[in-house]
Amino acid sequence: MKDGEFTTLYTENRMSLAHAILGFLLQAERTGYDLKTSCFDRCIAYLWTADQAQIYRTLDRLAEQGWITYKVEIQRDRPNRKVYSVTEAGKAELTHWLQSPQPVPTVRDPLPIQLFFAAHLSNEATIHLLEQQLAARCEKLAECKQIELPTLSNSATNREQFMQRLVLELAIRKEQTYIDWLKTAIEILNQEALNSSQPTVILDTPA
């Protein structure tokens, strides 16, 4: 692929929606609707999100690039649908991308920025903010743990499931680490609030 070619399909950290779609289409032929509901919403929502419009725009670009092709299935009672599949060129591109080292991404998480400037808030307001995030993170962790994939030690696990489980373990550990940090931050702020609320003892000085 030439320098600059197809750059519109890359994001800042080069995790491309295009390549995620190529990966799913390599597994099986799918429609745009299938990609949204069965793949992004059910399989990797905890990793990567995409709305229907993004998926269809990317499918059009992939087809223009020659990385995918499609066939139109005629339906009597519903609109005709396009069923997409990967071309040999698309397989080659996916293989190339899978082997490409990725730079460490800059995570744009607004909470640390809020906390960075939180000296303007009271401890009570800051703690409330952190507790809300803690609840959201605990909910996401629970969702990750509900995903049904064989354990890494399961001898019946196939290679695809093994790789998916590795990624899931990463997501679980990241959420648990964030939760641990939030709990520590809340505990520290609670202690600071307690200390600041205690009366200051002023010692008498000799005349």
Protein backbone atom coordinates (compact mmCIF):
# COMPACT_ATOMS: atom_id res chain seq x y z
CA MET A 1 0.00 0.00 0.00
CA LYS A 2 1.41 3.41 -0.97
CA ASP A 3 2.24 6.04 1.63
CA GLY A 4 -0.88 7.98 2.57
CA GLU A 5 -3.21 5.59 0.76
CA PHE A 6 -6.48 4.92 2.52
CA THR A 7 -5.45 7.07 5.48
CA THR A 8 -9.05 8.13 6.03
CA LEU A 9 -9.71 4.67 7.46
CA TYR A 10 -7.09 5.03 10.18
CA THR A 11 -7.56 6.55 13.58
CA GLU A 12 -4.87 8.25 15.66
CA ASN A 13 -3.52 5.01 17.10
CA ARG A 14 -3.99 3.12 13.82
CA MET A 15 -6.60 0.82 15.28
CA SER A 16 -8.72 0.92 12.18
CA LEU A 17 -12.41 0.29 11.93
CA ALA A 18 -11.62 -0.95 8.44
CA HIS A 19 -9.37 -3.69 9.73
CA ALA A 20 -11.85 -4.75 12.38
CA ILE A 21 -14.42 -5.15 9.61
CA LEU A 22 -11.94 -7.10 7.49
CA GLY A 23 -11.34 -9.41 10.43
CA PHE A 24 -15.02 -10.12 10.92
CA LEU A 25 -15.58 -10.65 7.20
CA LEU A 26 -12.66 -13.06 7.10
CA GLN A 27 -14.53 -15.15 9.67
CA ALA A 28 -17.73 -15.21 7.59
CA GLU A 29 -19.67 -13.34 4.92
CA ARG A 30 -21.87 -10.70 6.55
CA THR A 31 -24.18 -7.79 5.84
CA GLY A 32 -23.62 -4.35 7.28
CA TYR A 33 -26.43 -5.02 9.74
CA ASP A 34 -24.80 -8.29 10.81
CA LEU A 35 -21.53 -6.48 11.43
CA LYS A 36 -23.23 -3.97 13.69
CA THR A 37 -25.46 -6.30 15.70
CA SER A 38 -23.60 -9.61 15.78
CA CYS A 39 -20.02 -8.35 15.74
CA PHE A 40 -19.48 -4.88 17.15
CA ASP A 41 -22.40 -4.88 19.60
CA ARG A 42 -22.05 -8.47 20.82
CA CYS A 43 -18.39 -9.39 20.39
CA ILE A 44 -16.17 -6.35 20.88
CA ALA A 45 -18.34 -3.62 22.41
CA TYR A 46 -16.00 -3.60 25.40
CA LEU A 47 -13.07 -2.85 23.06
CA TRP A 48 -14.32 -0.84 20.10
CA THR A 49 -17.62 0.78 19.19
CA ALA A 50 -19.00 1.79 15.82
CA ASP A 51 -22.39 3.06 14.73
CA GLN A 52 -24.27 1.83 11.69
CA ALA A 53 -23.39 4.86 9.55
CA GLN A 54 -19.66 4.45 10.24
CA ILE A 55 -19.81 0.79 9.31
CA TYR A 56 -21.60 1.41 6.00
CA ARG A 57 -19.26 4.28 5.06
CA THR A 58 -16.25 2.08 5.75
CA LEU A 59 -17.74 -0.81 3.76
CA ASP A 60 -18.10 1.51 0.77
CA ARG A 61 -14.46 2.59 1.07
CA LEU A 62 -13.26 -0.98 1.46
CA ALA A 63 -15.15 -1.97 -1.67
CA GLU A 64 -13.65 0.97 -3.57
CA GLN A 65 -10.21 -0.09 -2.37
CA GLY A 66 -10.83 -3.64 -3.64
CA TRP A 67 -10.38 -5.19 -0.20
CA ILE A 68 -13.94 -6.52 -0.06
CA THR A 69 -16.61 -7.45 -2.53
CA TYR A 70 -20.34 -8.04 -2.18
CA LYS A 71 -23.27 -9.81 -3.72
CA VAL A 72 -26.83 -8.55 -3.71
CA GLU A 73 -29.41 -10.95 -2.28
CA ILE A 74 -32.91 -10.41 -3.61
CA GLN A 75 -35.61 -10.44 -0.92
CA ARG A 76 -39.29 -10.42 -1.72
CA ASP A 77 -40.82 -8.91 1.40
CA ARG A 78 -37.88 -6.73 2.42
CA PRO A 79 -35.30 -4.53 0.70
CA ASN A 80 -32.50 -6.34 -1.07
CA ARG A 81 -29.33 -6.69 0.98
CA LYS A 82 -25.61 -6.65 0.29
CA VAL A 83 -23.59 -9.56 1.66
CA TYR A 84 -19.90 -8.69 1.96
CA SER A 85 -16.81 -10.91 1.81
CA VAL A 86 -13.05 -10.34 1.85
CA THR A 87 -10.98 -10.41 -1.36
CA GLU A 88 -7.45 -11.77 -1.59
CA ALA A 89 -6.19 -8.19 -1.51
CA GLY A 90 -8.21 -7.63 1.65
CA LYS A 91 -6.75 -10.74 3.28
CA ALA A 92 -3.24 -9.54 2.42
CA GLU A 93 -3.94 -6.11 3.90
CA LEU A 94 -5.37 -7.60 7.09
CA THR A 95 -2.37 -9.90 7.47
CA HIS A 96 -0.03 -6.95 6.96
CA TRP A 97 -1.87 -4.88 9.56
CA LEU A 98 -2.01 -7.74 12.08
CA GLN A 99 1.78 -7.96 11.94
CA SER A 100 2.38 -4.20 12.18
CA PRO A 101 3.61 -2.90 15.56
CA GLN A 102 1.36 -0.24 17.03
CA PRO A 103 2.46 2.91 18.86
CA VAL A 104 1.38 3.32 22.46
CA PRO A 105 -1.95 5.18 22.20
CA THR A 106 -2.72 8.38 24.05
CA VAL A 107 -5.89 7.60 25.98
CA ARG A 108 -8.22 10.57 26.06
CA ASP A 109 -9.97 9.87 29.33
CA PRO A 110 -11.68 13.04 30.63
CA LEU A 111 -11.75 11.95 34.28
CA PRO A 112 -8.00 12.37 34.95
CA ILE A 113 -8.20 15.85 33.39
CA GLN A 114 -11.14 16.67 35.67
CA LEU A 115 -9.14 15.46 38.66
CA PHE A 116 -6.04 17.36 37.48
CA PHE A 117 -7.96 20.63 37.89
CA ALA A 118 -10.14 19.50 40.80
CA ALA A 119 -8.39 21.79 43.28
CA HIS A 120 -11.22 24.17 42.36
CA LEU A 121 -13.74 21.69 43.80
CA SER A 122 -14.44 20.65 47.34
CA ASN A 123 -13.38 17.18 48.46
CA GLU A 124 -17.04 16.25 48.70
CA ALA A 125 -17.71 17.19 45.07
CA THR A 126 -14.57 15.42 43.88
CA ILE A 127 -15.40 12.26 45.82
CA HIS A 128 -18.90 12.27 44.33
CA LEU A 129 -17.38 12.48 40.85
CA LEU A 130 -15.05 9.56 41.56
CA GLU A 131 -17.82 7.46 43.08
CA GLN A 132 -19.92 7.89 39.94
CA GLN A 133 -17.00 6.71 37.83
CA LEU A 134 -16.41 3.82 40.21
CA ALA A 135 -19.99 2.63 39.77
CA ALA A 136 -19.68 2.84 35.97
CA ARG A 137 -16.36 0.97 35.98
CA CYS A 138 -17.73 -1.76 38.23
CA GLU A 139 -20.66 -2.18 35.85
CA LYS A 140 -18.31 -2.48 32.87
CA LEU A 141 -16.14 -5.00 34.72
CA ALA A 142 -19.21 -7.10 35.47
CA GLU A 143 -20.19 -7.01 31.79
CA CYS A 144 -16.71 -8.18 30.78
CA LYS A 145 -16.83 -11.04 33.25
CA GLN A 146 -20.18 -12.16 31.82
CA ILE A 147 -18.70 -12.68 28.35
CA GLU A 148 -18.64 -16.40 27.70
CA LEU A 149 -15.25 -17.57 26.49
CA PRO A 150 -13.29 -20.66 27.52
CA THR A 151 -10.49 -20.07 30.01
CA LEU A 152 -6.89 -20.01 28.79
CA SER A 153 -6.22 -23.28 30.59
CA ASN A 154 -9.13 -25.06 28.90
CA SER A 155 -7.69 -27.71 26.59
CA ALA A 156 -10.80 -27.56 24.42
CA THR A 157 -10.20 -23.90 23.54
CA ASN A 158 -9.51 -23.34 19.86
CA ARG A 159 -6.97 -20.78 18.67
CA GLU A 160 -9.56 -18.11 17.86
CA GLN A 161 -11.16 -18.43 21.30
CA PHE A 162 -7.71 -18.43 22.92
CA MET A 163 -6.80 -15.10 21.33
CA GLN A 164 -10.17 -13.58 22.17
CA ARG A 165 -9.80 -14.71 25.77
CA LEU A 166 -6.37 -13.06 25.98
CA VAL A 167 -7.92 -9.77 24.88
CA LEU A 168 -10.78 -10.18 27.35
CA GLU A 169 -8.28 -10.77 30.16
CA LEU A 170 -6.60 -7.49 29.24
CA ALA A 171 -9.92 -5.64 29.39
CA ILE A 172 -10.76 -7.19 32.77
CA ARG A 173 -7.37 -6.29 34.23
CA LYS A 174 -7.56 -2.72 32.93
CA GLU A 175 -10.97 -2.21 34.51
CA GLN A 176 -9.85 -3.79 37.79
CA THR A 177 -6.78 -1.57 37.90
CA TYR A 178 -8.89 1.53 37.28
CA ILE A 179 -11.32 0.45 40.00
CA ASP A 180 -8.47 -0.10 42.47
CA TRP A 181 -7.09 3.37 41.72
CA LEU A 182 -10.53 4.98 42.14
CA LYS A 183 -11.00 3.29 45.51
CA THR A 184 -7.57 4.49 46.63
CA ALA A 185 -8.25 8.05 45.45
CA ILE A 186 -11.60 8.13 47.25
CA GLU A 187 -10.04 6.79 50.44
CA ILE A 188 -7.28 9.42 50.33
CA LEU A 189 -9.73 12.26 49.72
CA ASN A 190 -12.00 11.03 52.50
CA GLN A 191 -9.05 11.00 54.88
CA GLU A 192 -8.02 14.48 53.78
CA ALA A 193 -11.55 15.75 54.33
CA LEU A 194 -11.57 14.18 57.80
CA ASN A 195 -8.23 15.76 58.70
CA SER A 196 -9.25 19.20 57.47
CA SER A 197 -12.48 19.05 59.48
CA GLN A 198 -10.66 18.48 62.77
CA PRO A 199 -10.17 21.60 64.91
CA THR A 200 -6.69 23.05 65.00
CA VAL A 201 -5.10 23.07 68.45
CA ILE A 202 -3.34 26.33 69.21
CA LEU A 203 -0.66 26.02 71.84
CA ASP A 204 -0.22 28.82 74.33
CA THR A 205 3.10 30.58 74.03
CA PRO A 206 4.98 32.09 76.96
CA ALA A 207 4.44 35.80 77.39
